[in-house]
Amino acid sequence: MNPPISRRATTVSEPADAPATAHPQPAGPTVVLVHGAFADGSSWSAVIERLQREGHRVLAPALPLRGLASDAAYIRAVLDGVEGPIVLVGHSYGGAVISHAAAGAPQVEALVYIAAFVPDIGESALGLTGKFPGSTLGEATTAQSYPLPGGGEGEELVIRKDVFRQQFAAGVPVTTAQVMAVGQRPIALAALQEEATAAAWRDIPSWCLVATEDRNIPPAAEEWMARRADAHTVTVQAPHAVAVSDPAPVTDLILRAVHAVRSGH
């Protein structure tokens, strides 16, 4: 296991006499946060707190993790219920989902990829993972079956609890990683194999965060996808679960996209 990564978090201070009320919400986009495989909406908790502290509207829907097209359709339904512009954020597999869900959605004005897949049409998450060396996800996962709606069984993947921290969340406190391992959401193998049929990043301005200690998606793959998307890119020394380990730079990148939308890019 790699030694824990030393980081310095940034915080927002309030004046001592500030009233204990929320900031008024600024005129601006709603931030929609889409988690990826082996996680849930709680993985965004520290980012949500920071965004709300700034007065921004935030949604963090639960992703079914059953199939790329069906997951994207679910997120599209969420987007269609939001009034005004949207900054759509995806982590990991959630990046593939937002690339699909945002296609043809005029209210989505920025895409933010956090240690995420940025697939083109015809590409899958598994295919992109194998494009560059560095991922140890295959050996860290175990398969289990789940019932399909129409009958029969499908195959889903989970990260083994004994290696979850070093695989997914290196540097995160042990107790936090243990809780994350217990609450991880399995992903259908078919979702990782399903090829993208849309690539919204071709038409919508994009921002990317590359996590240099990522063991799920090779950092080289993240960098390559970010360059291809001509994205505004930052690099952070962090594991795959960067929103948990380093919420400050994740929030900062999202806020850059928010400010770009508010200023008309």
C-alpha atoms as a PDB file:
ATOM      1  CA  MET A   1       0.000   0.000   0.000  1.00  0.00           C
ATOM      2  CA  ASN A   2       1.300   3.457  -0.809  1.00  0.00           C
ATOM      3  CA  PRO A   3       1.871   5.727   2.207  1.00  0.00           C
ATOM      4  CA  PRO A   4      -0.888   8.271   2.883  1.00  0.00           C
ATOM      5  CA  ILE A   5      -0.587  11.397   0.789  1.00  0.00           C
ATOM      6  CA  SER A   6      -0.022  14.578   2.745  1.00  0.00           C
ATOM      7  CA  ARG A   7      -2.390  17.367   1.765  1.00  0.00           C
ATOM      8  CA  ARG A   8      -3.412  20.772   2.987  1.00  0.00           C
ATOM      9  CA  ALA A   9      -7.115  21.539   2.741  1.00  0.00           C
ATOM     10  CA  THR A  10      -8.510  25.001   2.189  1.00  0.00           C
ATOM     11  CA  THR A  11     -11.530  26.290   4.066  1.00  0.00           C
ATOM     12  CA  VAL A  12     -13.803  29.293   3.859  1.00  0.00           C
ATOM     13  CA  SER A  13     -13.872  31.392   7.030  1.00  0.00           C
ATOM     14  CA  GLU A  14     -16.873  33.330   8.256  1.00  0.00           C
ATOM     15  CA  PRO A  15     -16.599  36.617  10.185  1.00  0.00           C
ATOM     16  CA  ALA A  16     -17.112  36.138  13.908  1.00  0.00           C
ATOM     17  CA  ASP A  17     -20.276  38.248  13.855  1.00  0.00           C
ATOM     18  CA  ALA A  18     -21.748  36.680  10.713  1.00  0.00           C
ATOM     19  CA  PRO A  19     -25.355  35.533  11.150  1.00  0.00           C
ATOM     20  CA  ALA A  20     -25.876  31.764  11.236  1.00  0.00           C
ATOM     21  CA  THR A  21     -27.890  31.749   8.051  1.00  0.00           C
ATOM     22  CA  ALA A  22     -27.216  30.413   4.569  1.00  0.00           C
ATOM     23  CA  HIS A  23     -25.837  32.747   1.935  1.00  0.00           C
ATOM     24  CA  PRO A  24     -28.441  33.998  -0.535  1.00  0.00           C
ATOM     25  CA  GLN A  25     -28.407  31.928  -3.669  1.00  0.00           C
ATOM     26  CA  PRO A  26     -26.699  33.798  -6.515  1.00  0.00           C
ATOM     27  CA  ALA A  27     -28.200  33.996  -9.955  1.00  0.00           C
ATOM     28  CA  GLY A  28     -26.366  31.160 -11.617  1.00  0.00           C
ATOM     29  CA  PRO A  29     -26.457  27.542 -12.706  1.00  0.00           C
ATOM     30  CA  THR A  30     -27.517  24.518 -10.710  1.00  0.00           C
ATOM     31  CA  VAL A  31     -24.673  22.080 -10.086  1.00  0.00           C
ATOM     32  CA  VAL A  32     -25.670  18.445 -10.674  1.00  0.00           C
ATOM     33  CA  LEU A  33     -23.194  15.901  -9.267  1.00  0.00           C
ATOM     34  CA  VAL A  34     -23.199  12.361 -10.682  1.00  0.00           C
ATOM     35  CA  HIS A  35     -21.256   9.703  -8.784  1.00  0.00           C
ATOM     36  CA  GLY A  36     -19.600   6.702 -10.403  1.00  0.00           C
ATOM     37  CA  ALA A  37     -19.141   3.006  -9.717  1.00  0.00           C
ATOM     38  CA  PHE A  38     -18.424   1.708  -6.202  1.00  0.00           C
ATOM     39  CA  ALA A  39     -19.715   4.973  -4.692  1.00  0.00           C
ATOM     40  CA  ASP A  40     -22.956   6.816  -3.988  1.00  0.00           C
ATOM     41  CA  GLY A  41     -24.142  10.390  -3.554  1.00  0.00           C
ATOM     42  CA  SER A  42     -22.444  10.654  -0.155  1.00  0.00           C
ATOM     43  CA  SER A  43     -19.070  10.653  -1.924  1.00  0.00           C
ATOM     44  CA  TRP A  44     -19.830  14.275  -2.843  1.00  0.00           C
ATOM     45  CA  SER A  45     -20.655  15.343   0.745  1.00  0.00           C
ATOM     46  CA  ALA A  46     -17.641  17.599   1.351  1.00  0.00           C
ATOM     47  CA  VAL A  47     -18.000  19.157  -2.106  1.00  0.00           C
ATOM     48  CA  ILE A  48     -21.720  19.742  -1.549  1.00  0.00           C
ATOM     49  CA  GLU A  49     -21.007  21.484   1.764  1.00  0.00           C
ATOM     50  CA  ARG A  50     -18.538  23.825   0.093  1.00  0.00           C
ATOM     51  CA  LEU A  51     -20.833  24.633  -2.828  1.00  0.00           C
ATOM     52  CA  GLN A  52     -23.788  25.274  -0.541  1.00  0.00           C
ATOM     53  CA  ARG A  53     -21.626  27.459   1.682  1.00  0.00           C
ATOM     54  CA  GLU A  54     -21.107  29.608  -1.408  1.00  0.00           C
ATOM     55  CA  GLY A  55     -24.876  29.692  -1.933  1.00  0.00           C
ATOM     56  CA  HIS A  56     -25.078  27.433  -4.981  1.00  0.00           C
ATOM     57  CA  ARG A  57     -27.955  25.120  -5.807  1.00  0.00           C
ATOM     58  CA  VAL A  58     -26.816  21.485  -5.868  1.00  0.00           C
ATOM     59  CA  LEU A  59     -28.329  18.119  -6.779  1.00  0.00           C
ATOM     60  CA  ALA A  60     -26.635  14.729  -6.290  1.00  0.00           C
ATOM     61  CA  PRO A  61     -28.941  12.031  -7.683  1.00  0.00           C
ATOM     62  CA  ALA A  62     -28.363   8.322  -7.050  1.00  0.00           C
ATOM     63  CA  LEU A  63     -27.155   6.545 -10.185  1.00  0.00           C
ATOM     64  CA  PRO A  64     -28.584   3.049 -10.833  1.00  0.00           C
ATOM     65  CA  LEU A  65     -25.262   1.746 -12.297  1.00  0.00           C
ATOM     66  CA  ARG A  66     -27.091  -0.805 -14.437  1.00  0.00           C
ATOM     67  CA  GLY A  67     -26.342   0.324 -18.008  1.00  0.00           C
ATOM     68  CA  LEU A  68     -24.885   3.365 -19.754  1.00  0.00           C
ATOM     69  CA  ALA A  69     -27.947   4.240 -21.843  1.00  0.00           C
ATOM     70  CA  SER A  70     -30.423   3.597 -19.018  1.00  0.00           C
ATOM     71  CA  ASP A  71     -28.301   5.449 -16.453  1.00  0.00           C
ATOM     72  CA  ALA A  72     -28.009   8.399 -18.837  1.00  0.00           C
ATOM     73  CA  ALA A  73     -31.771   8.393 -19.401  1.00  0.00           C
ATOM     74  CA  TYR A  74     -32.285   8.563 -15.639  1.00  0.00           C
ATOM     75  CA  ILE A  75     -29.930  11.525 -15.293  1.00  0.00           C
ATOM     76  CA  ARG A  76     -31.532  13.209 -18.311  1.00  0.00           C
ATOM     77  CA  ALA A  77     -34.873  13.022 -16.507  1.00  0.00           C
ATOM     78  CA  VAL A  78     -33.262  14.768 -13.533  1.00  0.00           C
ATOM     79  CA  LEU A  79     -31.831  17.459 -15.804  1.00  0.00           C
ATOM     80  CA  ASP A  80     -35.189  18.029 -17.468  1.00  0.00           C
ATOM     81  CA  GLY A  81     -36.655  18.870 -14.069  1.00  0.00           C
ATOM     82  CA  VAL A  82     -34.152  21.675 -13.418  1.00  0.00           C
ATOM     83  CA  GLU A  83     -34.951  25.257 -14.349  1.00  0.00           C
ATOM     84  CA  GLY A  84     -32.151  27.363 -15.763  1.00  0.00           C
ATOM     85  CA  PRO A  85     -28.569  26.536 -16.734  1.00  0.00           C
ATOM     86  CA  ILE A  86     -26.759  23.489 -15.382  1.00  0.00           C
ATOM     87  CA  VAL A  87     -23.146  22.627 -14.648  1.00  0.00           C
ATOM     88  CA  LEU A  88     -23.083  18.838 -14.922  1.00  0.00           C
ATOM     89  CA  VAL A  89     -20.346  17.011 -13.022  1.00  0.00           C
ATOM     90  CA  GLY A  90     -19.385  13.336 -13.270  1.00  0.00           C
ATOM     91  CA  HIS A  91     -16.930  11.186 -11.352  1.00  0.00           C
ATOM     92  CA  SER A  92     -15.438   8.004 -12.813  1.00  0.00           C
ATOM     93  CA  TYR A  93     -18.138   6.076 -14.743  1.00  0.00           C
ATOM     94  CA  GLY A  94     -20.353   9.085 -14.088  1.00  0.00           C
ATOM     95  CA  GLY A  95     -18.287  10.914 -16.705  1.00  0.00           C
ATOM     96  CA  ALA A  96     -19.524   8.526 -19.379  1.00  0.00           C
ATOM     97  CA  VAL A  97     -23.068   9.039 -18.118  1.00  0.00           C
ATOM     98  CA  ILE A  98     -22.967  12.840 -18.262  1.00  0.00           C
ATOM     99  CA  SER A  99     -21.417  12.749 -21.743  1.00  0.00           C
ATOM    100  CA  HIS A 100     -24.489  10.840 -22.896  1.00  0.00           C
ATOM    101  CA  ALA A 101     -27.143  12.579 -20.765  1.00  0.00           C
ATOM    102  CA  ALA A 102     -26.105  16.096 -21.778  1.00  0.00           C
ATOM    103  CA  ALA A 103     -26.290  15.450 -25.517  1.00  0.00           C
ATOM    104  CA  GLY A 104     -29.030  17.675 -26.900  1.00  0.00           C
ATOM    105  CA  ALA A 105     -29.809  19.155 -23.471  1.00  0.00           C
ATOM    106  CA  PRO A 106     -29.707  22.930 -24.004  1.00  0.00           C
ATOM    107  CA  GLN A 107     -29.729  23.745 -20.285  1.00  0.00           C
ATOM    108  CA  VAL A 108     -26.358  22.003 -19.731  1.00  0.00           C
ATOM    109  CA  GLU A 109     -23.759  24.703 -20.316  1.00  0.00           C
ATOM    110  CA  ALA A 110     -20.652  23.090 -18.792  1.00  0.00           C
ATOM    111  CA  LEU A 111     -19.360  19.575 -18.182  1.00  0.00           C
ATOM    112  CA  VAL A 112     -16.901  18.791 -15.386  1.00  0.00           C
ATOM    113  CA  TYR A 113     -15.086  15.459 -15.276  1.00  0.00           C
ATOM    114  CA  ILE A 114     -13.554  14.426 -11.949  1.00  0.00           C
ATOM    115  CA  ALA A 115     -11.131  11.502 -12.420  1.00  0.00           C
ATOM    116  CA  ALA A 116     -13.643  10.379 -14.997  1.00  0.00           C
ATOM    117  CA  PHE A 117     -14.207   8.723 -18.321  1.00  0.00           C
ATOM    118  CA  VAL A 118     -14.700  11.096 -21.258  1.00  0.00           C
ATOM    119  CA  PRO A 119     -15.663   8.602 -23.966  1.00  0.00           C
ATOM    120  CA  ASP A 120     -16.208   9.245 -27.625  1.00  0.00           C
ATOM    121  CA  ILE A 121     -18.912   7.474 -29.607  1.00  0.00           C
ATOM    122  CA  GLY A 122     -18.124   3.768 -29.822  1.00  0.00           C
ATOM    123  CA  GLU A 123     -15.905   3.705 -26.713  1.00  0.00           C
ATOM    124  CA  SER A 124     -16.608   1.914 -23.427  1.00  0.00           C
ATOM    125  CA  ALA A 125     -15.323   2.450 -19.912  1.00  0.00           C
ATOM    126  CA  LEU A 126     -13.547  -0.890 -19.925  1.00  0.00           C
ATOM    127  CA  GLY A 127     -11.995  -0.191 -23.311  1.00  0.00           C
ATOM    128  CA  LEU A 128     -10.653   3.171 -22.147  1.00  0.00           C
ATOM    129  CA  THR A 129      -9.333   1.634 -18.926  1.00  0.00           C
ATOM    130  CA  GLY A 130      -7.282  -0.838 -20.937  1.00  0.00           C
ATOM    131  CA  LYS A 131      -5.992   1.763 -23.390  1.00  0.00           C
ATOM    132  CA  PHE A 132      -3.142   2.704 -21.026  1.00  0.00           C
ATOM    133  CA  PRO A 133      -1.324   0.698 -18.320  1.00  0.00           C
ATOM    134  CA  GLY A 134      -1.805   1.434 -14.648  1.00  0.00           C
ATOM    135  CA  SER A 135      -5.242   0.192 -13.588  1.00  0.00           C
ATOM    136  CA  THR A 136      -5.368  -2.517 -10.904  1.00  0.00           C
ATOM    137  CA  LEU A 137      -9.159  -2.533 -10.720  1.00  0.00           C
ATOM    138  CA  GLY A 138      -9.604  -5.948 -12.335  1.00  0.00           C
ATOM    139  CA  GLU A 139      -7.647  -7.781  -9.677  1.00  0.00           C
ATOM    140  CA  ALA A 140      -9.301  -5.774  -6.881  1.00  0.00           C
ATOM    141  CA  THR A 141     -12.896  -6.612  -7.806  1.00  0.00           C
ATOM    142  CA  THR A 142     -15.077  -9.621  -7.333  1.00  0.00           C
ATOM    143  CA  ALA A 143     -18.172 -10.551  -9.349  1.00  0.00           C
ATOM    144  CA  GLN A 144     -21.606 -11.362  -7.995  1.00  0.00           C
ATOM    145  CA  SER A 145     -24.975 -11.994  -9.633  1.00  0.00           C
ATOM    146  CA  TYR A 146     -28.142  -9.924  -9.477  1.00  0.00           C
ATOM    147  CA  PRO A 147     -31.646 -10.577 -10.897  1.00  0.00           C
ATOM    148  CA  LEU A 148     -32.559  -8.933 -14.198  1.00  0.00           C
ATOM    149  CA  PRO A 149     -36.018  -7.301 -14.514  1.00  0.00           C
ATOM    150  CA  GLY A 150     -37.015  -9.580 -17.390  1.00  0.00           C
ATOM    151  CA  GLY A 151     -35.716 -12.726 -15.750  1.00  0.00           C
ATOM    152  CA  GLY A 152     -32.316 -14.313 -15.587  1.00  0.00           C
ATOM    153  CA  GLU A 153     -29.232 -12.946 -13.901  1.00  0.00           C
ATOM    154  CA  GLY A 154     -26.692 -10.243 -14.599  1.00  0.00           C
ATOM    155  CA  GLU A 155     -23.145  -9.845 -13.329  1.00  0.00           C
ATOM    156  CA  GLU A 156     -22.046  -6.927 -11.184  1.00  0.00           C
ATOM    157  CA  LEU A 157     -18.703  -5.956  -9.700  1.00  0.00           C
ATOM    158  CA  VAL A 158     -17.658  -4.794  -6.233  1.00  0.00           C
ATOM    159  CA  ILE A 159     -14.237  -3.883  -4.867  1.00  0.00           C
ATOM    160  CA  ARG A 160     -13.044  -6.312  -2.222  1.00  0.00           C
ATOM    161  CA  LYS A 161     -13.230  -4.717   1.200  1.00  0.00           C
ATOM    162  CA  ASP A 162      -9.708  -5.800   2.134  1.00  0.00           C
ATOM    163  CA  VAL A 163      -8.202  -3.749  -0.716  1.00  0.00           C
ATOM    164  CA  PHE A 164     -10.839  -1.018  -1.052  1.00  0.00           C
ATOM    165  CA  ARG A 165      -8.785   1.735   0.574  1.00  0.00           C
ATOM    166  CA  GLN A 166      -5.597   1.172  -1.395  1.00  0.00           C
ATOM    167  CA  GLN A 167      -7.520   0.676  -4.649  1.00  0.00           C
ATOM    168  CA  PHE A 168     -10.125   3.410  -4.427  1.00  0.00           C
ATOM    169  CA  ALA A 169      -9.326   5.812  -1.613  1.00  0.00           C
ATOM    170  CA  ALA A 170      -5.628   5.742  -0.691  1.00  0.00           C
ATOM    171  CA  GLY A 171      -4.854   8.500   1.796  1.00  0.00           C
ATOM    172  CA  VAL A 172      -8.441   8.719   3.055  1.00  0.00           C
ATOM    173  CA  PRO A 173      -8.686   7.998   6.818  1.00  0.00           C
ATOM    174  CA  VAL A 174      -9.001   4.270   7.490  1.00  0.00           C
ATOM    175  CA  THR A 175     -12.371   4.526   9.216  1.00  0.00           C
ATOM    176  CA  THR A 176     -13.792   6.633   6.379  1.00  0.00           C
ATOM    177  CA  ALA A 177     -12.556   4.154   3.773  1.00  0.00           C
ATOM    178  CA  GLN A 178     -14.056   1.268   5.740  1.00  0.00           C
ATOM    179  CA  VAL A 179     -17.456   2.942   5.737  1.00  0.00           C
ATOM    180  CA  MET A 180     -17.138   3.665   2.012  1.00  0.00           C
ATOM    181  CA  ALA A 181     -16.273   0.015   1.340  1.00  0.00           C
ATOM    182  CA  VAL A 182     -19.351  -1.215   3.190  1.00  0.00           C
ATOM    183  CA  GLY A 183     -21.661   1.240   1.418  1.00  0.00           C
ATOM    184  CA  GLN A 184     -20.211   0.921  -2.091  1.00  0.00           C
ATOM    185  CA  ARG A 185     -22.698   0.574  -4.951  1.00  0.00           C
ATOM    186  CA  PRO A 186     -21.978  -2.366  -7.277  1.00  0.00           C
ATOM    187  CA  ILE A 187     -21.906  -1.679 -11.007  1.00  0.00           C
ATOM    188  CA  ALA A 188     -23.197  -4.023 -13.685  1.00  0.00           C
ATOM    189  CA  LEU A 189     -20.373  -5.366 -15.810  1.00  0.00           C
ATOM    190  CA  ALA A 190     -22.530  -4.640 -18.853  1.00  0.00           C
ATOM    191  CA  ALA A 191     -22.516  -0.922 -17.984  1.00  0.00           C
ATOM    192  CA  LEU A 192     -18.727  -0.836 -18.165  1.00  0.00           C
ATOM    193  CA  GLN A 193     -18.782  -2.741 -21.455  1.00  0.00           C
ATOM    194  CA  GLU A 194     -21.526  -0.662 -23.106  1.00  0.00           C
ATOM    195  CA  GLU A 195     -20.300   1.637 -25.870  1.00  0.00           C
ATOM    196  CA  ALA A 196     -21.154   5.317 -25.851  1.00  0.00           C
ATOM    197  CA  THR A 197     -23.599   6.567 -28.459  1.00  0.00           C
ATOM    198  CA  ALA A 198     -23.183  10.269 -27.665  1.00  0.00           C
ATOM    199  CA  ALA A 199     -20.307  12.589 -26.744  1.00  0.00           C
ATOM    200  CA  ALA A 200     -21.667  15.894 -25.429  1.00  0.00           C
ATOM    201  CA  TRP A 201     -18.155  17.182 -24.693  1.00  0.00           C
ATOM    202  CA  ARG A 202     -17.777  17.777 -28.429  1.00  0.00           C
ATOM    203  CA  ASP A 203     -20.315  20.608 -28.180  1.00  0.00           C
ATOM    204  CA  ILE A 204     -20.218  21.735 -24.530  1.00  0.00           C
ATOM    205  CA  PRO A 205     -17.227  23.404 -22.790  1.00  0.00           C
ATOM    206  CA  SER A 206     -15.491  20.938 -20.476  1.00  0.00           C
ATOM    207  CA  TRP A 207     -13.281  20.926 -17.397  1.00  0.00           C
ATOM    208  CA  CYS A 208     -11.262  17.886 -16.265  1.00  0.00           C
ATOM    209  CA  LEU A 209      -9.472  16.904 -13.070  1.00  0.00           C
ATOM    210  CA  VAL A 210      -6.727  14.284 -13.407  1.00  0.00           C
ATOM    211  CA  ALA A 211      -5.947  12.286 -10.252  1.00  0.00           C
ATOM    212  CA  THR A 212      -2.316  11.222 -10.454  1.00  0.00           C
ATOM    213  CA  GLU A 213      -2.655   8.394  -7.885  1.00  0.00           C
ATOM    214  CA  ASP A 214      -5.723   6.864  -9.531  1.00  0.00           C
ATOM    215  CA  ARG A 215      -5.675   3.050  -9.579  1.00  0.00           C
ATOM    216  CA  ASN A 216      -9.079   2.620 -11.240  1.00  0.00           C
ATOM    217  CA  ILE A 217      -8.603   4.760 -14.353  1.00  0.00           C
ATOM    218  CA  PRO A 218      -4.978   5.155 -15.455  1.00  0.00           C
ATOM    219  CA  PRO A 219      -3.926   8.792 -15.015  1.00  0.00           C
ATOM    220  CA  ALA A 220      -2.463   8.649 -18.540  1.00  0.00           C
ATOM    221  CA  ALA A 221      -5.940   7.810 -19.833  1.00  0.00           C
ATOM    222  CA  GLU A 222      -7.460  10.723 -17.909  1.00  0.00           C
ATOM    223  CA  GLU A 223      -4.858  13.097 -19.353  1.00  0.00           C
ATOM    224  CA  TRP A 224      -5.373  11.763 -22.884  1.00  0.00           C
ATOM    225  CA  MET A 225      -9.150  12.110 -22.698  1.00  0.00           C
ATOM    226  CA  ALA A 226      -8.846  15.638 -21.281  1.00  0.00           C
ATOM    227  CA  ARG A 227      -6.563  16.713 -24.129  1.00  0.00           C
ATOM    228  CA  ARG A 228      -8.873  15.181 -26.704  1.00  0.00           C
ATOM    229  CA  ALA A 229     -11.831  17.065 -25.233  1.00  0.00           C
ATOM    230  CA  ASP A 230      -9.792  20.309 -25.247  1.00  0.00           C
ATOM    231  CA  ALA A 231     -10.810  20.638 -21.603  1.00  0.00           C
ATOM    232  CA  HIS A 232      -9.625  23.106 -18.992  1.00  0.00           C
ATOM    233  CA  THR A 233      -7.530  20.655 -16.968  1.00  0.00           C
ATOM    234  CA  VAL A 234      -6.033  20.530 -13.481  1.00  0.00           C
ATOM    235  CA  THR A 235      -3.873  17.783 -11.983  1.00  0.00           C
ATOM    236  CA  VAL A 236      -4.149  16.728  -8.340  1.00  0.00           C
ATOM    237  CA  GLN A 237      -2.011  14.243  -6.431  1.00  0.00           C
ATOM    238  CA  ALA A 238      -4.939  12.181  -5.197  1.00  0.00           C
ATOM    239  CA  PRO A 239      -6.610   8.764  -5.438  1.00  0.00           C
ATOM    240  CA  HIS A 240      -9.647   7.853  -7.501  1.00  0.00           C
ATOM    241  CA  ALA A 241     -11.978   9.022  -4.714  1.00  0.00           C
ATOM    242  CA  VAL A 242     -10.615  12.543  -5.034  1.00  0.00           C
ATOM    243  CA  ALA A 243     -13.885  14.241  -4.023  1.00  0.00           C
ATOM    244  CA  VAL A 244     -13.487  12.538  -0.631  1.00  0.00           C
ATOM    245  CA  SER A 245      -9.729  12.927  -0.196  1.00  0.00           C
ATOM    246  CA  ASP A 246      -9.352  16.409  -1.735  1.00  0.00           C
ATOM    247  CA  PRO A 247     -12.715  18.197  -1.924  1.00  0.00           C
ATOM    248  CA  ALA A 248     -11.135  21.672  -2.114  1.00  0.00           C
ATOM    249  CA  PRO A 249      -9.575  21.390  -5.608  1.00  0.00           C
ATOM    250  CA  VAL A 250     -12.619  19.483  -6.828  1.00  0.00           C
ATOM    251  CA  THR A 251     -14.884  22.288  -5.643  1.00  0.00           C
ATOM    252  CA  ASP A 252     -12.550  24.906  -7.089  1.00  0.00           C
ATOM    253  CA  LEU A 253     -12.722  23.335 -10.540  1.00  0.00           C
ATOM    254  CA  ILE A 254     -16.509  23.150 -10.402  1.00  0.00           C
ATOM    255  CA  LEU A 255     -16.651  26.801  -9.368  1.00  0.00           C
ATOM    256  CA  ARG A 256     -14.482  27.732 -12.350  1.00  0.00           C
ATOM    257  CA  ALA A 257     -17.084  26.136 -14.603  1.00  0.00           C
ATOM    258  CA  VAL A 258     -19.886  27.892 -12.703  1.00  0.00           C
ATOM    259  CA  HIS A 259     -18.185  31.267 -13.091  1.00  0.00           C
ATOM    260  CA  ALA A 260     -17.617  30.630 -16.781  1.00  0.00           C
ATOM    261  CA  VAL A 261     -21.321  29.918 -17.264  1.00  0.00           C
ATOM    262  CA  ARG A 262     -22.347  32.996 -15.269  1.00  0.00           C
ATOM    263  CA  SER A 263     -20.026  35.195 -17.314  1.00  0.00           C
ATOM    264  CA  GLY A 264     -21.134  33.718 -20.617  1.00  0.00           C
ATOM    265  CA  HIS A 265     -17.901  31.692 -20.996  1.00  0.00           C
END
